[in-house]
Amino acid sequence: MQITIRPVATYAEYQACYQLQQLVWGAEFAVPVNLLVTAQRNGGLVLGAFDGDELVGFVFGFLARTSDGRLKHASHMAAVRPDLRDARIGERLKRAQREFALAQDLELMTWTYDPLLARNAHLNLRKLGAICRTYMRNVYGPEPELRDGKLPTDRFQVEWWLVQSPVARPPADQVTEAPLINPALDVPPVIPAEPVARLRIPLDFEAMQQQDPATAKEWRYHFRACAEAAFAAGYVAVDFARVDRFYGYYTLVRHTS
């Protein structure tokens, strides 16, 4: 398999992006072809990963502003064919997206993801070096929460500082000894006074949602309370690691500026 990363160009390729979205996310969340084309022609980016002529992954983003007026690249959608998720295609797409944003003289890219998905946490924080200090509740519904048995679509909004991150990762020995904010699922968050802390999640939340929806619901609301309390206390998530067979751990550092 020889993967090539390049901008999507033809109608058939845009249509392939739409079909891939339906496969990965479902029709409800698929960005239509006409919007992808318009964004590509007006300062945005639709970047594809191709195996020969076949589209197997893509990213979609556009020019935006932060709340304080800073220009940034808002990455809205990234998808890889499910059977190729361990082929580092997503990472290659994000790094190519970074080069595009830098060519526009941008220093910041943001996007959202479900913080209970360990695979995405590992890519976004560990491999790419993004950080997070913003927790967003129920971004895509349902409204009201838990309608039709669906969990709220809570998200981390990550910041990928393309030149230099404002928050550094701590030394490994500090992380090993760092206290847990959520030592148990049935207790409130414990916010320590230390400069480094950890926040854990189950390694396979997707399977949990299918096999044990009651526990998945507990994790959604437990993690929401813990992450919001940590961010309010000045912590920033700067790394993620799989430590054992069951849990992954976010590394958080206190950042005052």
C-alpha atoms as a PDB file:
ATOM      1  CA  MET A   1       0.000   0.000   0.000  1.00  0.00           C
ATOM      2  CA  GLN A   2       1.431   3.352  -1.085  1.00  0.00           C
ATOM      3  CA  ILE A   3      -0.376   6.280   0.533  1.00  0.00           C
ATOM      4  CA  THR A   4      -0.249   9.701  -1.119  1.00  0.00           C
ATOM      5  CA  ILE A   5      -1.434  12.844   0.689  1.00  0.00           C
ATOM      6  CA  ARG A   6      -2.750  15.631  -1.568  1.00  0.00           C
ATOM      7  CA  PRO A   7      -5.671  18.071  -1.869  1.00  0.00           C
ATOM      8  CA  VAL A   8      -8.968  16.618  -3.049  1.00  0.00           C
ATOM      9  CA  ALA A   9      -9.584  17.882  -6.573  1.00  0.00           C
ATOM     10  CA  THR A  10     -12.310  16.142  -8.594  1.00  0.00           C
ATOM     11  CA  TYR A  11     -16.025  15.761  -8.040  1.00  0.00           C
ATOM     12  CA  ALA A  12     -15.566  12.002  -7.687  1.00  0.00           C
ATOM     13  CA  GLU A  13     -12.983  12.563  -4.940  1.00  0.00           C
ATOM     14  CA  TYR A  14     -15.277  14.958  -3.062  1.00  0.00           C
ATOM     15  CA  GLN A  15     -18.049  12.390  -3.371  1.00  0.00           C
ATOM     16  CA  ALA A  16     -15.670   9.773  -1.948  1.00  0.00           C
ATOM     17  CA  CYS A  17     -15.089  12.090   1.049  1.00  0.00           C
ATOM     18  CA  TYR A  18     -18.823  12.262   1.618  1.00  0.00           C
ATOM     19  CA  GLN A  19     -19.170   8.485   1.410  1.00  0.00           C
ATOM     20  CA  LEU A  20     -16.285   7.961   3.829  1.00  0.00           C
ATOM     21  CA  GLN A  21     -17.933  10.295   6.327  1.00  0.00           C
ATOM     22  CA  GLN A  22     -21.134   8.285   6.114  1.00  0.00           C
ATOM     23  CA  LEU A  23     -19.173   5.098   6.761  1.00  0.00           C
ATOM     24  CA  VAL A  24     -17.288   6.508   9.765  1.00  0.00           C
ATOM     25  CA  TRP A  25     -19.725   8.995  11.317  1.00  0.00           C
ATOM     26  CA  GLY A  26     -23.113   8.289   9.747  1.00  0.00           C
ATOM     27  CA  ALA A  27     -25.169  10.465   7.417  1.00  0.00           C
ATOM     28  CA  GLU A  28     -26.277  12.790  10.242  1.00  0.00           C
ATOM     29  CA  PHE A  29     -22.806  14.318  10.600  1.00  0.00           C
ATOM     30  CA  ALA A  30     -21.545  14.147   6.996  1.00  0.00           C
ATOM     31  CA  VAL A  31     -20.408  17.459   5.474  1.00  0.00           C
ATOM     32  CA  PRO A  32     -22.016  17.778   2.009  1.00  0.00           C
ATOM     33  CA  VAL A  33     -19.985  17.954  -1.169  1.00  0.00           C
ATOM     34  CA  ASN A  34     -20.982  21.524  -2.014  1.00  0.00           C
ATOM     35  CA  LEU A  35     -19.653  22.809   1.327  1.00  0.00           C
ATOM     36  CA  LEU A  36     -16.378  20.902   0.935  1.00  0.00           C
ATOM     37  CA  VAL A  37     -15.887  22.386  -2.546  1.00  0.00           C
ATOM     38  CA  THR A  38     -16.706  25.924  -1.406  1.00  0.00           C
ATOM     39  CA  ALA A  39     -14.329  25.748   1.556  1.00  0.00           C
ATOM     40  CA  GLN A  40     -11.505  24.386  -0.605  1.00  0.00           C
ATOM     41  CA  ARG A  41     -11.895  27.294  -3.041  1.00  0.00           C
ATOM     42  CA  ASN A  42     -12.001  29.955  -0.320  1.00  0.00           C
ATOM     43  CA  GLY A  43      -9.030  29.448   1.956  1.00  0.00           C
ATOM     44  CA  GLY A  44     -10.065  26.159   3.538  1.00  0.00           C
ATOM     45  CA  LEU A  45      -8.604  22.706   3.054  1.00  0.00           C
ATOM     46  CA  VAL A  46      -9.913  19.315   2.000  1.00  0.00           C
ATOM     47  CA  LEU A  47      -6.919  17.019   2.051  1.00  0.00           C
ATOM     48  CA  GLY A  48      -7.128  13.377   1.007  1.00  0.00           C
ATOM     49  CA  ALA A  49      -5.103  10.250   1.669  1.00  0.00           C
ATOM     50  CA  PHE A  50      -5.078   8.069  -1.445  1.00  0.00           C
ATOM     51  CA  ASP A  51      -4.082   4.466  -2.033  1.00  0.00           C
ATOM     52  CA  GLY A  52      -3.643   4.746  -5.782  1.00  0.00           C
ATOM     53  CA  ASP A  53      -6.867   6.404  -6.921  1.00  0.00           C
ATOM     54  CA  GLU A  54      -8.871   5.274  -3.896  1.00  0.00           C
ATOM     55  CA  LEU A  55      -9.563   7.751  -1.107  1.00  0.00           C
ATOM     56  CA  VAL A  56      -8.927   6.075   2.258  1.00  0.00           C
ATOM     57  CA  GLY A  57      -8.841   9.131   4.536  1.00  0.00           C
ATOM     58  CA  PHE A  58      -9.275  12.893   4.580  1.00  0.00           C
ATOM     59  CA  VAL A  59      -9.263  16.029   6.721  1.00  0.00           C
ATOM     60  CA  PHE A  60     -11.405  19.132   6.331  1.00  0.00           C
ATOM     61  CA  GLY A  61     -10.737  22.536   7.904  1.00  0.00           C
ATOM     62  CA  PHE A  62     -11.193  26.237   7.328  1.00  0.00           C
ATOM     63  CA  LEU A  63      -9.978  29.671   8.402  1.00  0.00           C
ATOM     64  CA  ALA A  64     -11.517  30.890  11.671  1.00  0.00           C
ATOM     65  CA  ARG A  65     -10.943  33.163  14.662  1.00  0.00           C
ATOM     66  CA  THR A  66     -10.455  32.569  18.365  1.00  0.00           C
ATOM     67  CA  SER A  67     -12.645  34.350  20.901  1.00  0.00           C
ATOM     68  CA  ASP A  68      -9.979  37.077  21.246  1.00  0.00           C
ATOM     69  CA  GLY A  69      -9.732  37.641  17.479  1.00  0.00           C
ATOM     70  CA  ARG A  70      -6.657  35.545  16.627  1.00  0.00           C
ATOM     71  CA  LEU A  71      -6.757  33.862  13.225  1.00  0.00           C
ATOM     72  CA  LYS A  72      -6.543  30.068  13.335  1.00  0.00           C
ATOM     73  CA  HIS A  73      -7.228  26.971  11.280  1.00  0.00           C
ATOM     74  CA  ALA A  74     -10.356  25.171  12.542  1.00  0.00           C
ATOM     75  CA  SER A  75     -10.092  21.492  11.700  1.00  0.00           C
ATOM     76  CA  HIS A  76     -13.642  20.192  11.563  1.00  0.00           C
ATOM     77  CA  MET A  77     -13.502  16.649  10.232  1.00  0.00           C
ATOM     78  CA  ALA A  78     -10.950  13.849   9.992  1.00  0.00           C
ATOM     79  CA  ALA A  79     -11.769  10.320   8.917  1.00  0.00           C
ATOM     80  CA  VAL A  80      -9.824   7.196   7.961  1.00  0.00           C
ATOM     81  CA  ARG A  81     -11.265   3.982   6.592  1.00  0.00           C
ATOM     82  CA  PRO A  82     -11.860   1.797   9.683  1.00  0.00           C
ATOM     83  CA  ASP A  83      -9.660  -1.103   8.563  1.00  0.00           C
ATOM     84  CA  LEU A  84      -6.681   1.283   8.139  1.00  0.00           C
ATOM     85  CA  ARG A  85      -6.825   3.114  11.477  1.00  0.00           C
ATOM     86  CA  ASP A  86      -3.526   1.654  12.660  1.00  0.00           C
ATOM     87  CA  ALA A  87      -1.621   2.633   9.499  1.00  0.00           C
ATOM     88  CA  ARG A  88      -0.719   6.160  10.783  1.00  0.00           C
ATOM     89  CA  ILE A  89      -2.771   7.743   7.990  1.00  0.00           C
ATOM     90  CA  GLY A  90      -4.555  10.082  10.401  1.00  0.00           C
ATOM     91  CA  GLU A  91      -1.244  11.336  11.766  1.00  0.00           C
ATOM     92  CA  ARG A  92       0.118  11.957   8.266  1.00  0.00           C
ATOM     93  CA  LEU A  93      -3.015  13.879   7.313  1.00  0.00           C
ATOM     94  CA  LYS A  94      -2.779  16.093  10.394  1.00  0.00           C
ATOM     95  CA  ARG A  95       0.887  16.861   9.769  1.00  0.00           C
ATOM     96  CA  ALA A  96       0.141  17.787   6.158  1.00  0.00           C
ATOM     97  CA  GLN A  97      -2.702  19.978   7.430  1.00  0.00           C
ATOM     98  CA  ARG A  98      -0.185  21.665   9.737  1.00  0.00           C
ATOM     99  CA  GLU A  99       2.035  22.544   6.752  1.00  0.00           C
ATOM    100  CA  PHE A 100      -0.962  24.082   4.994  1.00  0.00           C
ATOM    101  CA  ALA A 101      -1.810  26.216   8.033  1.00  0.00           C
ATOM    102  CA  LEU A 102       1.793  27.347   8.443  1.00  0.00           C
ATOM    103  CA  ALA A 103       1.840  28.405   4.788  1.00  0.00           C
ATOM    104  CA  GLN A 104      -1.077  30.710   5.644  1.00  0.00           C
ATOM    105  CA  ASP A 105       1.052  32.239   8.452  1.00  0.00           C
ATOM    106  CA  LEU A 106      -1.145  30.650  11.120  1.00  0.00           C
ATOM    107  CA  GLU A 107       0.228  29.471  14.449  1.00  0.00           C
ATOM    108  CA  LEU A 108      -2.817  27.709  15.892  1.00  0.00           C
ATOM    109  CA  MET A 109      -5.090  24.875  14.839  1.00  0.00           C
ATOM    110  CA  THR A 110      -8.051  23.686  16.903  1.00  0.00           C
ATOM    111  CA  TRP A 111     -10.483  20.791  16.733  1.00  0.00           C
ATOM    112  CA  THR A 112     -12.678  18.735  19.015  1.00  0.00           C
ATOM    113  CA  TYR A 113     -12.801  15.064  19.915  1.00  0.00           C
ATOM    114  CA  ASP A 114     -14.449  12.807  22.464  1.00  0.00           C
ATOM    115  CA  PRO A 115     -11.994  12.760  25.396  1.00  0.00           C
ATOM    116  CA  LEU A 116     -13.068   9.244  26.374  1.00  0.00           C
ATOM    117  CA  LEU A 117     -11.701   7.797  23.123  1.00  0.00           C
ATOM    118  CA  ALA A 118      -8.186   6.668  23.953  1.00  0.00           C
ATOM    119  CA  ARG A 119      -7.083   6.235  20.334  1.00  0.00           C
ATOM    120  CA  ASN A 120      -7.859   9.887  19.561  1.00  0.00           C
ATOM    121  CA  ALA A 121      -6.318  11.116  22.813  1.00  0.00           C
ATOM    122  CA  HIS A 122      -3.102   9.265  22.004  1.00  0.00           C
ATOM    123  CA  LEU A 123      -2.901  10.785  18.515  1.00  0.00           C
ATOM    124  CA  ASN A 124      -3.869  14.326  19.469  1.00  0.00           C
ATOM    125  CA  LEU A 125      -1.837  14.819  22.642  1.00  0.00           C
ATOM    126  CA  ARG A 126       0.948  12.230  22.609  1.00  0.00           C
ATOM    127  CA  LYS A 127       1.855  12.106  18.905  1.00  0.00           C
ATOM    128  CA  LEU A 128       0.920  15.592  17.678  1.00  0.00           C
ATOM    129  CA  GLY A 129       1.622  17.516  20.877  1.00  0.00           C
ATOM    130  CA  ALA A 130      -1.721  19.310  21.121  1.00  0.00           C
ATOM    131  CA  ILE A 131      -3.000  20.529  24.492  1.00  0.00           C
ATOM    132  CA  CYS A 132      -6.456  20.973  25.989  1.00  0.00           C
ATOM    133  CA  ARG A 133      -7.932  23.302  28.586  1.00  0.00           C
ATOM    134  CA  THR A 134     -11.506  23.555  27.248  1.00  0.00           C
ATOM    135  CA  TYR A 135     -14.304  21.088  27.964  1.00  0.00           C
ATOM    136  CA  MET A 136     -17.443  21.439  25.841  1.00  0.00           C
ATOM    137  CA  ARG A 137     -20.718  19.819  26.866  1.00  0.00           C
ATOM    138  CA  ASN A 138     -23.041  18.031  24.445  1.00  0.00           C
ATOM    139  CA  VAL A 139     -21.719  19.732  21.315  1.00  0.00           C
ATOM    140  CA  TYR A 140     -23.800  17.764  18.806  1.00  0.00           C
ATOM    141  CA  GLY A 141     -26.765  16.799  20.982  1.00  0.00           C
ATOM    142  CA  PRO A 142     -29.006  15.018  21.747  1.00  0.00           C
ATOM    143  CA  GLU A 143     -31.263  17.659  23.238  1.00  0.00           C
ATOM    144  CA  PRO A 144     -32.342  17.074  25.944  1.00  0.00           C
ATOM    145  CA  GLU A 145     -29.384  15.008  27.096  1.00  0.00           C
ATOM    146  CA  LEU A 146     -29.829  11.224  27.063  1.00  0.00           C
ATOM    147  CA  ARG A 147     -32.750  11.370  24.644  1.00  0.00           C
ATOM    148  CA  ASP A 148     -33.337   7.997  22.965  1.00  0.00           C
ATOM    149  CA  GLY A 149     -30.675   6.500  25.198  1.00  0.00           C
ATOM    150  CA  LYS A 150     -27.860   8.415  23.491  1.00  0.00           C
ATOM    151  CA  LEU A 151     -25.016   9.841  25.550  1.00  0.00           C
ATOM    152  CA  PRO A 152     -24.279  13.575  25.375  1.00  0.00           C
ATOM    153  CA  THR A 153     -21.617  14.424  22.815  1.00  0.00           C
ATOM    154  CA  ASP A 154     -19.086  16.041  25.157  1.00  0.00           C
ATOM    155  CA  ARG A 155     -15.810  17.133  23.590  1.00  0.00           C
ATOM    156  CA  PHE A 156     -12.321  18.339  24.377  1.00  0.00           C
ATOM    157  CA  GLN A 157     -11.363  21.324  22.234  1.00  0.00           C
ATOM    158  CA  VAL A 158      -7.652  20.927  21.610  1.00  0.00           C
ATOM    159  CA  GLU A 159      -5.152  23.607  20.697  1.00  0.00           C
ATOM    160  CA  TRP A 160      -2.307  22.596  18.399  1.00  0.00           C
ATOM    161  CA  TRP A 161       0.276  25.357  18.545  1.00  0.00           C
ATOM    162  CA  LEU A 162       2.125  24.862  15.286  1.00  0.00           C
ATOM    163  CA  VAL A 163       5.381  26.594  16.171  1.00  0.00           C
ATOM    164  CA  GLN A 164       5.759  26.217  19.944  1.00  0.00           C
ATOM    165  CA  SER A 165       3.325  25.066  22.601  1.00  0.00           C
ATOM    166  CA  PRO A 166       2.735  27.504  25.490  1.00  0.00           C
ATOM    167  CA  VAL A 167       2.633  24.585  27.948  1.00  0.00           C
ATOM    168  CA  ALA A 168       5.438  22.019  28.210  1.00  0.00           C
ATOM    169  CA  ARG A 169       5.186  18.364  29.161  1.00  0.00           C
ATOM    170  CA  PRO A 170       6.643  17.574  32.597  1.00  0.00           C
ATOM    171  CA  PRO A 171       9.514  15.120  33.172  1.00  0.00           C
ATOM    172  CA  ALA A 172       8.521  11.455  33.175  1.00  0.00           C
ATOM    173  CA  ASP A 173       9.332  10.968  36.865  1.00  0.00           C
ATOM    174  CA  GLN A 174       6.887  13.724  37.819  1.00  0.00           C
ATOM    175  CA  VAL A 175       4.139  12.044  35.815  1.00  0.00           C
ATOM    176  CA  THR A 176       4.714   8.646  37.425  1.00  0.00           C
ATOM    177  CA  GLU A 177       4.257  10.102  40.901  1.00  0.00           C
ATOM    178  CA  ALA A 178       1.428  12.492  40.000  1.00  0.00           C
ATOM    179  CA  PRO A 179      -1.846  12.069  41.918  1.00  0.00           C
ATOM    180  CA  LEU A 180      -5.039  10.883  40.249  1.00  0.00           C
ATOM    181  CA  ILE A 181      -7.908  13.350  40.010  1.00  0.00           C
ATOM    182  CA  ASN A 182     -10.369  10.482  39.576  1.00  0.00           C
ATOM    183  CA  PRO A 183      -9.170   7.492  41.624  1.00  0.00           C
ATOM    184  CA  ALA A 184     -12.634   5.880  41.545  1.00  0.00           C
ATOM    185  CA  LEU A 185     -15.701   6.118  39.358  1.00  0.00           C
ATOM    186  CA  ASP A 186     -18.108   6.598  42.260  1.00  0.00           C
ATOM    187  CA  VAL A 187     -16.364   9.498  44.045  1.00  0.00           C
ATOM    188  CA  PRO A 188     -16.152  13.228  43.198  1.00  0.00           C
ATOM    189  CA  PRO A 189     -12.991  14.642  41.590  1.00  0.00           C
ATOM    190  CA  VAL A 190     -10.036  15.156  43.902  1.00  0.00           C
ATOM    191  CA  ILE A 191      -8.202  18.317  42.787  1.00  0.00           C
ATOM    192  CA  PRO A 192      -4.652  18.259  44.204  1.00  0.00           C
ATOM    193  CA  ALA A 193      -2.311  21.156  44.882  1.00  0.00           C
ATOM    194  CA  GLU A 194       0.594  19.622  42.954  1.00  0.00           C
ATOM    195  CA  PRO A 195       1.904  21.048  39.661  1.00  0.00           C
ATOM    196  CA  VAL A 196       1.210  17.760  37.834  1.00  0.00           C
ATOM    197  CA  ALA A 197      -1.832  15.487  38.032  1.00  0.00           C
ATOM    198  CA  ARG A 198      -3.381  12.631  36.086  1.00  0.00           C
ATOM    199  CA  LEU A 199      -6.874  11.888  34.828  1.00  0.00           C
ATOM    200  CA  ARG A 200      -7.801   8.387  33.714  1.00  0.00           C
ATOM    201  CA  ILE A 201     -10.227   6.972  31.155  1.00  0.00           C
ATOM    202  CA  PRO A 202     -11.169   3.429  30.078  1.00  0.00           C
ATOM    203  CA  LEU A 203      -9.126   2.192  27.128  1.00  0.00           C
ATOM    204  CA  ASP A 204     -12.103   0.932  25.114  1.00  0.00           C
ATOM    205  CA  PHE A 205     -14.996   3.291  25.693  1.00  0.00           C
ATOM    206  CA  GLU A 206     -16.515   2.405  22.314  1.00  0.00           C
ATOM    207  CA  ALA A 207     -16.881  -1.242  23.335  1.00  0.00           C
ATOM    208  CA  MET A 208     -18.216  -0.166  26.730  1.00  0.00           C
ATOM    209  CA  GLN A 209     -20.960   1.877  25.057  1.00  0.00           C
ATOM    210  CA  GLN A 210     -22.108  -1.255  23.233  1.00  0.00           C
ATOM    211  CA  GLN A 211     -21.657  -3.815  25.992  1.00  0.00           C
ATOM    212  CA  ASP A 212     -22.310  -1.853  29.198  1.00  0.00           C
ATOM    213  CA  PRO A 213     -24.191   1.374  28.434  1.00  0.00           C
ATOM    214  CA  ALA A 214     -24.950   2.052  32.106  1.00  0.00           C
ATOM    215  CA  THR A 215     -21.247   2.168  32.980  1.00  0.00           C
ATOM    216  CA  ALA A 216     -20.539   4.225  29.855  1.00  0.00           C
ATOM    217  CA  LYS A 217     -23.088   6.772  31.079  1.00  0.00           C
ATOM    218  CA  GLU A 218     -21.386   6.859  34.487  1.00  0.00           C
ATOM    219  CA  TRP A 219     -18.032   7.503  32.811  1.00  0.00           C
ATOM    220  CA  ARG A 220     -19.421  10.328  30.661  1.00  0.00           C
ATOM    221  CA  TYR A 221     -20.721  12.296  33.626  1.00  0.00           C
ATOM    222  CA  HIS A 222     -17.867  11.346  35.949  1.00  0.00           C
ATOM    223  CA  PHE A 223     -15.240  12.458  33.452  1.00  0.00           C
ATOM    224  CA  ARG A 224     -17.166  15.660  32.709  1.00  0.00           C
ATOM    225  CA  ALA A 225     -17.109  16.641  36.387  1.00  0.00           C
ATOM    226  CA  CYS A 226     -13.429  15.768  36.758  1.00  0.00           C
ATOM    227  CA  ALA A 227     -12.194  17.516  33.617  1.00  0.00           C
ATOM    228  CA  GLU A 228     -14.221  20.662  34.240  1.00  0.00           C
ATOM    229  CA  ALA A 229     -12.956  20.862  37.820  1.00  0.00           C
ATOM    230  CA  ALA A 230      -9.362  20.333  36.696  1.00  0.00           C
ATOM    231  CA  PHE A 231      -9.515  22.996  33.989  1.00  0.00           C
ATOM    232  CA  ALA A 232     -11.203  25.444  36.386  1.00  0.00           C
ATOM    233  CA  ALA A 233      -8.295  24.883  38.788  1.00  0.00           C
ATOM    234  CA  GLY A 234      -5.797  25.874  36.104  1.00  0.00           C
ATOM    235  CA  TYR A 235      -4.741  22.453  34.840  1.00  0.00           C
ATOM    236  CA  VAL A 236      -4.012  21.843  31.151  1.00  0.00           C
ATOM    237  CA  ALA A 237      -3.967  18.395  29.524  1.00  0.00           C
ATOM    238  CA  VAL A 238      -0.606  18.005  27.752  1.00  0.00           C
ATOM    239  CA  ASP A 239      -0.107  14.270  27.201  1.00  0.00           C
ATOM    240  CA  PHE A 240      -1.788  10.878  27.163  1.00  0.00           C
ATOM    241  CA  ALA A 241      -0.431   7.381  27.741  1.00  0.00           C
ATOM    242  CA  ARG A 242      -1.749   3.844  27.883  1.00  0.00           C
ATOM    243  CA  VAL A 243      -0.425   2.560  31.199  1.00  0.00           C
ATOM    244  CA  ASP A 244      -2.094  -0.861  31.563  1.00  0.00           C
ATOM    245  CA  ARG A 245      -4.638  -3.115  29.836  1.00  0.00           C
ATOM    246  CA  PHE A 246      -7.651  -1.228  31.171  1.00  0.00           C
ATOM    247  CA  TYR A 247      -6.918   2.486  31.477  1.00  0.00           C
ATOM    248  CA  GLY A 248      -5.253   5.389  29.747  1.00  0.00           C
ATOM    249  CA  TYR A 249      -4.065   8.477  31.619  1.00  0.00           C
ATOM    250  CA  TYR A 250      -4.068  12.144  30.705  1.00  0.00           C
ATOM    251  CA  THR A 251      -1.164  14.165  32.098  1.00  0.00           C
ATOM    252  CA  LEU A 252      -2.198  17.599  33.323  1.00  0.00           C
ATOM    253  CA  VAL A 253       0.013  20.499  34.423  1.00  0.00           C
ATOM    254  CA  ARG A 254      -0.913  23.700  36.206  1.00  0.00           C
ATOM    255  CA  HIS A 255      -0.593  26.716  33.937  1.00  0.00           C
ATOM    256  CA  THR A 256      -1.332  30.183  35.276  1.00  0.00           C
ATOM    257  CA  SER A 257      -0.951  32.480  32.238  1.00  0.00           C
END
